[in-house]
Amino acid sequence: MDCPGLDPKGAYTVVGVYTSGPWVGAVEFAPAAPLIDSYHMTADHLQEEIRWEGEIMLQGDITETSFSK
């Protein structure tokens, strides 16, 4: 993955965007990170039109919230 490009999103969320080939991943987190409980992640495969969304907990647990193809 490439280095993140950080863009402000509202007053309380920062978005880190990562790319690798046809994949684009976006991680949303509070400015107080890493002192937060979870991160919201979206991963898109631009060629296959796949989208995955989920929550990544600070302890490493991952919960899928949405998947579409």
PDB file of N, CA and C in Angstrom:
ATOM      1  N   MET A   1       0.829  -1.180   0.000  1.00  0.00           N
ATOM      2  CA  MET A   1       0.000   0.000   0.000  1.00  0.00           C
ATOM      3  C   MET A   1       0.880   1.253   0.000  1.00  0.00           C
ATOM      4  N   ASP A   2       0.377   2.284  -0.622  1.00  0.00           N
ATOM      5  CA  ASP A   2       1.077   3.561  -0.646  1.00  0.00           C
ATOM      6  C   ASP A   2       0.856   4.298   0.657  1.00  0.00           C
ATOM      7  N   CYS A   3       1.573   5.373   0.855  1.00  0.00           N
ATOM      8  CA  CYS A   3       1.377   6.215   2.033  1.00  0.00           C
ATOM      9  C   CYS A   3       0.004   6.876   1.977  1.00  0.00           C
ATOM     10  N   PRO A   4      -0.604   7.086   3.123  1.00  0.00           N
ATOM     11  CA  PRO A   4      -1.947   7.678   3.118  1.00  0.00           C
ATOM     12  C   PRO A   4      -1.937   9.143   2.729  1.00  0.00           C
ATOM     13  N   GLY A   5      -3.021   9.544   2.059  1.00  0.00           N
ATOM     14  CA  GLY A   5      -3.279  10.960   1.847  1.00  0.00           C
ATOM     15  C   GLY A   5      -4.372  11.340   2.823  1.00  0.00           C
ATOM     16  N   LEU A   6      -4.098  12.248   3.713  1.00  0.00           N
ATOM     17  CA  LEU A   6      -5.074  12.577   4.743  1.00  0.00           C
ATOM     18  C   LEU A   6      -5.889  13.787   4.324  1.00  0.00           C
ATOM     19  N   ASP A   7      -7.198  13.666   4.437  1.00  0.00           N
ATOM     20  CA  ASP A   7      -8.116  14.745   4.111  1.00  0.00           C
ATOM     21  C   ASP A   7      -9.068  14.939   5.280  1.00  0.00           C
ATOM     22  N   PRO A   8      -9.306  16.188   5.694  1.00  0.00           N
ATOM     23  CA  PRO A   8     -10.281  16.394   6.765  1.00  0.00           C
ATOM     24  C   PRO A   8     -11.684  16.067   6.270  1.00  0.00           C
ATOM     25  N   LYS A   9     -12.488  15.482   7.114  1.00  0.00           N
ATOM     26  CA  LYS A   9     -13.874  15.160   6.774  1.00  0.00           C
ATOM     27  C   LYS A   9     -14.715  15.541   7.980  1.00  0.00           C
ATOM     28  N   GLY A  10     -15.273  16.735   7.964  1.00  0.00           N
ATOM     29  CA  GLY A  10     -16.023  17.197   9.119  1.00  0.00           C
ATOM     30  C   GLY A  10     -15.068  17.579  10.235  1.00  0.00           C
ATOM     31  N   ALA A  11     -15.611  17.910  11.379  1.00  0.00           N
ATOM     32  CA  ALA A  11     -14.792  18.368  12.493  1.00  0.00           C
ATOM     33  C   ALA A  11     -14.210  17.216  13.300  1.00  0.00           C
ATOM     34  N   TYR A  12     -14.773  16.009  13.183  1.00  0.00           N
ATOM     35  CA  TYR A  12     -14.395  14.937  14.081  1.00  0.00           C
ATOM     36  C   TYR A  12     -13.865  13.697  13.395  1.00  0.00           C
ATOM     37  N   THR A  13     -13.688  13.702  12.084  1.00  0.00           N
ATOM     38  CA  THR A  13     -13.234  12.514  11.381  1.00  0.00           C
ATOM     39  C   THR A  13     -12.108  12.867  10.423  1.00  0.00           C
ATOM     40  N   VAL A  14     -11.113  12.005  10.377  1.00  0.00           N
ATOM     41  CA  VAL A  14     -10.022  12.138   9.421  1.00  0.00           C
ATOM     42  C   VAL A  14     -10.068  10.900   8.539  1.00  0.00           C
ATOM     43  N   VAL A  15      -9.812  11.058   7.250  1.00  0.00           N
ATOM     44  CA  VAL A  15      -9.843   9.934   6.328  1.00  0.00           C
ATOM     45  C   VAL A  15      -8.441   9.708   5.775  1.00  0.00           C
ATOM     46  N   GLY A  16      -7.952   8.485   5.914  1.00  0.00           N
ATOM     47  CA  GLY A  16      -6.695   8.080   5.298  1.00  0.00           C
ATOM     48  C   GLY A  16      -7.033   7.251   4.076  1.00  0.00           C
ATOM     49  N   VAL A  17      -6.463   7.572   2.930  1.00  0.00           N
ATOM     50  CA  VAL A  17      -6.749   6.855   1.686  1.00  0.00           C
ATOM     51  C   VAL A  17      -5.483   6.121   1.249  1.00  0.00           C
ATOM     52  N   TYR A  18      -5.634   4.821   0.951  1.00  0.00           N
ATOM     53  CA  TYR A  18      -4.534   3.968   0.542  1.00  0.00           C
ATOM     54  C   TYR A  18      -4.883   3.345  -0.807  1.00  0.00           C
ATOM     55  N   THR A  19      -3.880   3.169  -1.678  1.00  0.00           N
ATOM     56  CA  THR A  19      -4.120   2.528  -2.969  1.00  0.00           C
ATOM     57  C   THR A  19      -3.083   1.439  -3.210  1.00  0.00           C
ATOM     58  N   SER A  20      -3.507   0.397  -3.918  1.00  0.00           N
ATOM     59  CA  SER A  20      -2.613  -0.671  -4.347  1.00  0.00           C
ATOM     60  C   SER A  20      -3.240  -1.312  -5.570  1.00  0.00           C
ATOM     61  N   GLY A  21      -2.669  -1.058  -6.736  1.00  0.00           N
ATOM     62  CA  GLY A  21      -3.247  -1.574  -7.974  1.00  0.00           C
ATOM     63  C   GLY A  21      -4.670  -1.069  -8.122  1.00  0.00           C
ATOM     64  N   PRO A  22      -5.639  -1.985  -8.371  1.00  0.00           N
ATOM     65  CA  PRO A  22      -7.029  -1.562  -8.535  1.00  0.00           C
ATOM     66  C   PRO A  22      -7.766  -1.349  -7.209  1.00  0.00           C
ATOM     67  N   TRP A  23      -7.105  -1.595  -6.081  1.00  0.00           N
ATOM     68  CA  TRP A  23      -7.746  -1.442  -4.771  1.00  0.00           C
ATOM     69  C   TRP A  23      -7.565  -0.028  -4.239  1.00  0.00           C
ATOM     70  N   VAL A  24      -8.640   0.497  -3.665  1.00  0.00           N
ATOM     71  CA  VAL A  24      -8.596   1.775  -2.955  1.00  0.00           C
ATOM     72  C   VAL A  24      -9.228   1.533  -1.588  1.00  0.00           C
ATOM     73  N   GLY A  25      -8.500   1.834  -0.546  1.00  0.00           N
ATOM     74  CA  GLY A  25      -9.006   1.672   0.811  1.00  0.00           C
ATOM     75  C   GLY A  25      -9.074   3.019   1.510  1.00  0.00           C
ATOM     76  N   ALA A  26     -10.129   3.227   2.262  1.00  0.00           N
ATOM     77  CA  ALA A  26     -10.285   4.460   3.034  1.00  0.00           C
ATOM     78  C   ALA A  26     -10.555   4.081   4.482  1.00  0.00           C
ATOM     79  N   VAL A  27      -9.809   4.679   5.379  1.00  0.00           N
ATOM     80  CA  VAL A  27      -9.968   4.434   6.810  1.00  0.00           C
ATOM     81  C   VAL A  27     -10.393   5.741   7.455  1.00  0.00           C
ATOM     82  N   GLU A  28     -11.519   5.694   8.187  1.00  0.00           N
ATOM     83  CA  GLU A  28     -12.016   6.876   8.896  1.00  0.00           C
ATOM     84  C   GLU A  28     -11.747   6.701  10.382  1.00  0.00           C
ATOM     85  N   PHE A  29     -11.265   7.767  10.999  1.00  0.00           N
ATOM     86  CA  PHE A  29     -10.989   7.691  12.429  1.00  0.00           C
ATOM     87  C   PHE A  29     -11.063   9.081  13.037  1.00  0.00           C
ATOM     88  N   ALA A  30     -11.249   9.115  14.341  1.00  0.00           N
ATOM     89  CA  ALA A  30     -11.325  10.380  15.075  1.00  0.00           C
ATOM     90  C   ALA A  30      -9.930  10.971  15.199  1.00  0.00           C
ATOM     91  N   PRO A  31      -9.807  12.286  15.279  1.00  0.00           N
ATOM     92  CA  PRO A  31      -8.489  12.910  15.425  1.00  0.00           C
ATOM     93  C   PRO A  31      -7.715  12.444  16.655  1.00  0.00           C
ATOM     94  N   ALA A  32      -8.396  11.876  17.636  1.00  0.00           N
ATOM     95  CA  ALA A  32      -7.734  11.403  18.860  1.00  0.00           C
ATOM     96  C   ALA A  32      -7.087  10.032  18.676  1.00  0.00           C
ATOM     97  N   ALA A  33      -7.139   9.459  17.470  1.00  0.00           N
ATOM     98  CA  ALA A  33      -6.565   8.135  17.220  1.00  0.00           C
ATOM     99  C   ALA A  33      -5.099   8.126  17.640  1.00  0.00           C
ATOM    100  N   PRO A  34      -4.546   7.058  18.170  1.00  0.00           N
ATOM    101  CA  PRO A  34      -5.113   5.719  18.263  1.00  0.00           C
ATOM    102  C   PRO A  34      -5.878   5.445  19.544  1.00  0.00           C
ATOM    103  N   LEU A  35      -6.312   6.465  20.238  1.00  0.00           N
ATOM    104  CA  LEU A  35      -7.017   6.271  21.504  1.00  0.00           C
ATOM    105  C   LEU A  35      -8.512   6.022  21.321  1.00  0.00           C
ATOM    106  N   ILE A  36      -8.918   5.569  20.142  1.00  0.00           N
ATOM    107  CA  ILE A  36     -10.322   5.300  19.875  1.00  0.00           C
ATOM    108  C   ILE A  36     -10.557   3.797  19.856  1.00  0.00           C
ATOM    109  N   ASP A  37     -11.829   3.384  19.962  1.00  0.00           N
ATOM    110  CA  ASP A  37     -12.167   1.961  20.022  1.00  0.00           C
ATOM    111  C   ASP A  37     -12.152   1.268  18.675  1.00  0.00           C
ATOM    112  N   SER A  38     -12.489   1.997  17.596  1.00  0.00           N
ATOM    113  CA  SER A  38     -12.569   1.329  16.302  1.00  0.00           C
ATOM    114  C   SER A  38     -12.329   2.302  15.159  1.00  0.00           C
ATOM    115  N   TYR A  39     -12.041   1.719  14.008  1.00  0.00           N
ATOM    116  CA  TYR A  39     -11.858   2.458  12.767  1.00  0.00           C
ATOM    117  C   TYR A  39     -12.874   1.937  11.760  1.00  0.00           C
ATOM    118  N   HIS A  40     -13.446   2.807  10.943  1.00  0.00           N
ATOM    119  CA  HIS A  40     -14.332   2.382   9.870  1.00  0.00           C
ATOM    120  C   HIS A  40     -13.493   2.291   8.605  1.00  0.00           C
ATOM    121  N   MET A  41     -13.605   1.166   7.870  1.00  0.00           N
ATOM    122  CA  MET A  41     -12.822   0.984   6.649  1.00  0.00           C
ATOM    123  C   MET A  41     -13.718   0.637   5.485  1.00  0.00           C
ATOM    124  N   THR A  42     -13.396   1.208   4.327  1.00  0.00           N
ATOM    125  CA  THR A  42     -14.053   0.890   3.071  1.00  0.00           C
ATOM    126  C   THR A  42     -12.968   0.480   2.093  1.00  0.00           C
ATOM    127  N   ALA A  43     -13.159  -0.650   1.394  1.00  0.00           N
ATOM    128  CA  ALA A  43     -12.213  -1.114   0.380  1.00  0.00           C
ATOM    129  C   ALA A  43     -12.973  -1.321  -0.923  1.00  0.00           C
ATOM    130  N   ASP A  44     -12.489  -0.692  -1.996  1.00  0.00           N
ATOM    131  CA  ASP A  44     -13.111  -0.808  -3.313  1.00  0.00           C
ATOM    132  C   ASP A  44     -12.107  -1.387  -4.305  1.00  0.00           C
ATOM    133  N   HIS A  45     -12.563  -2.378  -5.094  1.00  0.00           N
ATOM    134  CA  HIS A  45     -11.776  -2.902  -6.209  1.00  0.00           C
ATOM    135  C   HIS A  45     -12.365  -2.273  -7.457  1.00  0.00           C
ATOM    136  N   LEU A  46     -11.612  -1.363  -8.093  1.00  0.00           N
ATOM    137  CA  LEU A  46     -12.160  -0.544  -9.166  1.00  0.00           C
ATOM    138  C   LEU A  46     -12.460  -1.331 -10.442  1.00  0.00           C
ATOM    139  N   GLN A  47     -11.747  -2.427 -10.723  1.00  0.00           N
ATOM    140  CA  GLN A  47     -11.994  -3.200 -11.929  1.00  0.00           C
ATOM    141  C   GLN A  47     -13.148  -4.189 -11.758  1.00  0.00           C
ATOM    142  N   GLU A  48     -13.240  -4.812 -10.604  1.00  0.00           N
ATOM    143  CA  GLU A  48     -14.265  -5.832 -10.359  1.00  0.00           C
ATOM    144  C   GLU A  48     -15.539  -5.264  -9.742  1.00  0.00           C
ATOM    145  N   GLU A  49     -15.545  -3.970  -9.435  1.00  0.00           N
ATOM    146  CA  GLU A  49     -16.684  -3.300  -8.804  1.00  0.00           C
ATOM    147  C   GLU A  49     -17.104  -3.992  -7.506  1.00  0.00           C
ATOM    148  N   ILE A  50     -16.117  -4.267  -6.681  1.00  0.00           N
ATOM    149  CA  ILE A  50     -16.343  -4.880  -5.368  1.00  0.00           C
ATOM    150  C   ILE A  50     -16.199  -3.784  -4.318  1.00  0.00           C
ATOM    151  N   ARG A  51     -17.096  -3.795  -3.328  1.00  0.00           N
ATOM    152  CA  ARG A  51     -16.982  -2.864  -2.196  1.00  0.00           C
ATOM    153  C   ARG A  51     -17.167  -3.650  -0.903  1.00  0.00           C
ATOM    154  N   TRP A  52     -16.235  -3.449   0.017  1.00  0.00           N
ATOM    155  CA  TRP A  52     -16.297  -4.045   1.341  1.00  0.00           C
ATOM    156  C   TRP A  52     -16.250  -2.914   2.358  1.00  0.00           C
ATOM    157  N   GLU A  53     -17.096  -3.020   3.393  1.00  0.00           N
ATOM    158  CA  GLU A  53     -17.063  -2.053   4.493  1.00  0.00           C
ATOM    159  C   GLU A  53     -17.054  -2.809   5.802  1.00  0.00           C
ATOM    160  N   GLY A  54     -16.367  -2.250   6.774  1.00  0.00           N
ATOM    161  CA  GLY A  54     -16.331  -2.898   8.068  1.00  0.00           C
ATOM    162  C   GLY A  54     -15.746  -2.009   9.142  1.00  0.00           C
ATOM    163  N   GLU A  55     -15.767  -2.542  10.356  1.00  0.00           N
ATOM    164  CA  GLU A  55     -15.203  -1.871  11.517  1.00  0.00           C
ATOM    165  C   GLU A  55     -14.009  -2.688  11.995  1.00  0.00           C
ATOM    166  N   ILE A  56     -12.917  -2.013  12.262  1.00  0.00           N
ATOM    167  CA  ILE A  56     -11.720  -2.656  12.794  1.00  0.00           C
ATOM    168  C   ILE A  56     -11.536  -2.150  14.216  1.00  0.00           C
ATOM    169  N   MET A  57     -11.615  -3.073  15.155  1.00  0.00           N
ATOM    170  CA  MET A  57     -11.496  -2.724  16.559  1.00  0.00           C
ATOM    171  C   MET A  57     -10.023  -2.590  16.934  1.00  0.00           C
ATOM    172  N   LEU A  58      -9.748  -1.778  17.922  1.00  0.00           N
ATOM    173  CA  LEU A  58      -8.389  -1.539  18.376  1.00  0.00           C
ATOM    174  C   LEU A  58      -7.686  -2.837  18.777  1.00  0.00           C
ATOM    175  N   GLN A  59      -8.443  -3.837  19.274  1.00  0.00           N
ATOM    176  CA  GLN A  59      -7.877  -5.120  19.687  1.00  0.00           C
ATOM    177  C   GLN A  59      -7.597  -6.034  18.499  1.00  0.00           C
ATOM    178  N   GLY A  60      -7.989  -5.622  17.262  1.00  0.00           N
ATOM    179  CA  GLY A  60      -7.725  -6.430  16.074  1.00  0.00           C
ATOM    180  C   GLY A  60      -8.924  -7.158  15.512  1.00  0.00           C
ATOM    181  N   ASP A  61     -10.066  -7.141  16.206  1.00  0.00           N
ATOM    182  CA  ASP A  61     -11.269  -7.791  15.686  1.00  0.00           C
ATOM    183  C   ASP A  61     -11.803  -7.000  14.496  1.00  0.00           C
ATOM    184  N   ILE A  62     -12.279  -7.715  13.467  1.00  0.00           N
ATOM    185  CA  ILE A  62     -12.826  -7.085  12.272  1.00  0.00           C
ATOM    186  C   ILE A  62     -14.265  -7.545  12.095  1.00  0.00           C
ATOM    187  N   THR A  63     -15.176  -6.593  11.899  1.00  0.00           N
ATOM    188  CA  THR A  63     -16.585  -6.893  11.674  1.00  0.00           C
ATOM    189  C   THR A  63     -16.991  -6.342  10.314  1.00  0.00           C
ATOM    190  N   GLU A  64     -17.456  -7.230   9.432  1.00  0.00           N
ATOM    191  CA  GLU A  64     -17.943  -6.802   8.129  1.00  0.00           C
ATOM    192  C   GLU A  64     -19.330  -6.181   8.290  1.00  0.00           C
ATOM    193  N   THR A  65     -19.527  -4.988   7.748  1.00  0.00           N
ATOM    194  CA  THR A  65     -20.839  -4.339   7.832  1.00  0.00           C
ATOM    195  C   THR A  65     -21.552  -4.318   6.489  1.00  0.00           C
ATOM    196  N   SER A  66     -20.789  -4.481   5.387  1.00  0.00           N
ATOM    197  CA  SER A  66     -21.400  -4.449   4.062  1.00  0.00           C
ATOM    198  C   SER A  66     -20.454  -5.057   3.042  1.00  0.00           C
ATOM    199  N   PHE A  67     -21.007  -5.794   2.050  1.00  0.00           N
ATOM    200  CA  PHE A  67     -20.241  -6.324   0.933  1.00  0.00           C
ATOM    201  C   PHE A  67     -21.120  -6.317  -0.289  1.00  0.00           C
ATOM    202  N   SER A  68     -20.602  -5.825  -1.410  1.00  0.00           N
ATOM    203  CA  SER A  68     -21.377  -5.857  -2.646  1.00  0.00           C
ATOM    204  C   SER A  68     -20.448  -6.094  -3.821  1.00  0.00           C
ATOM    205  N   LYS A  69     -21.006  -6.743  -4.849  1.00  0.00           N
ATOM    206  CA  LYS A  69     -20.270  -7.008  -6.082  1.00  0.00           C
ATOM    207  C   LYS A  69     -21.165  -6.774  -7.251  1.00  0.00           C
TER     208      LYS A  69
END
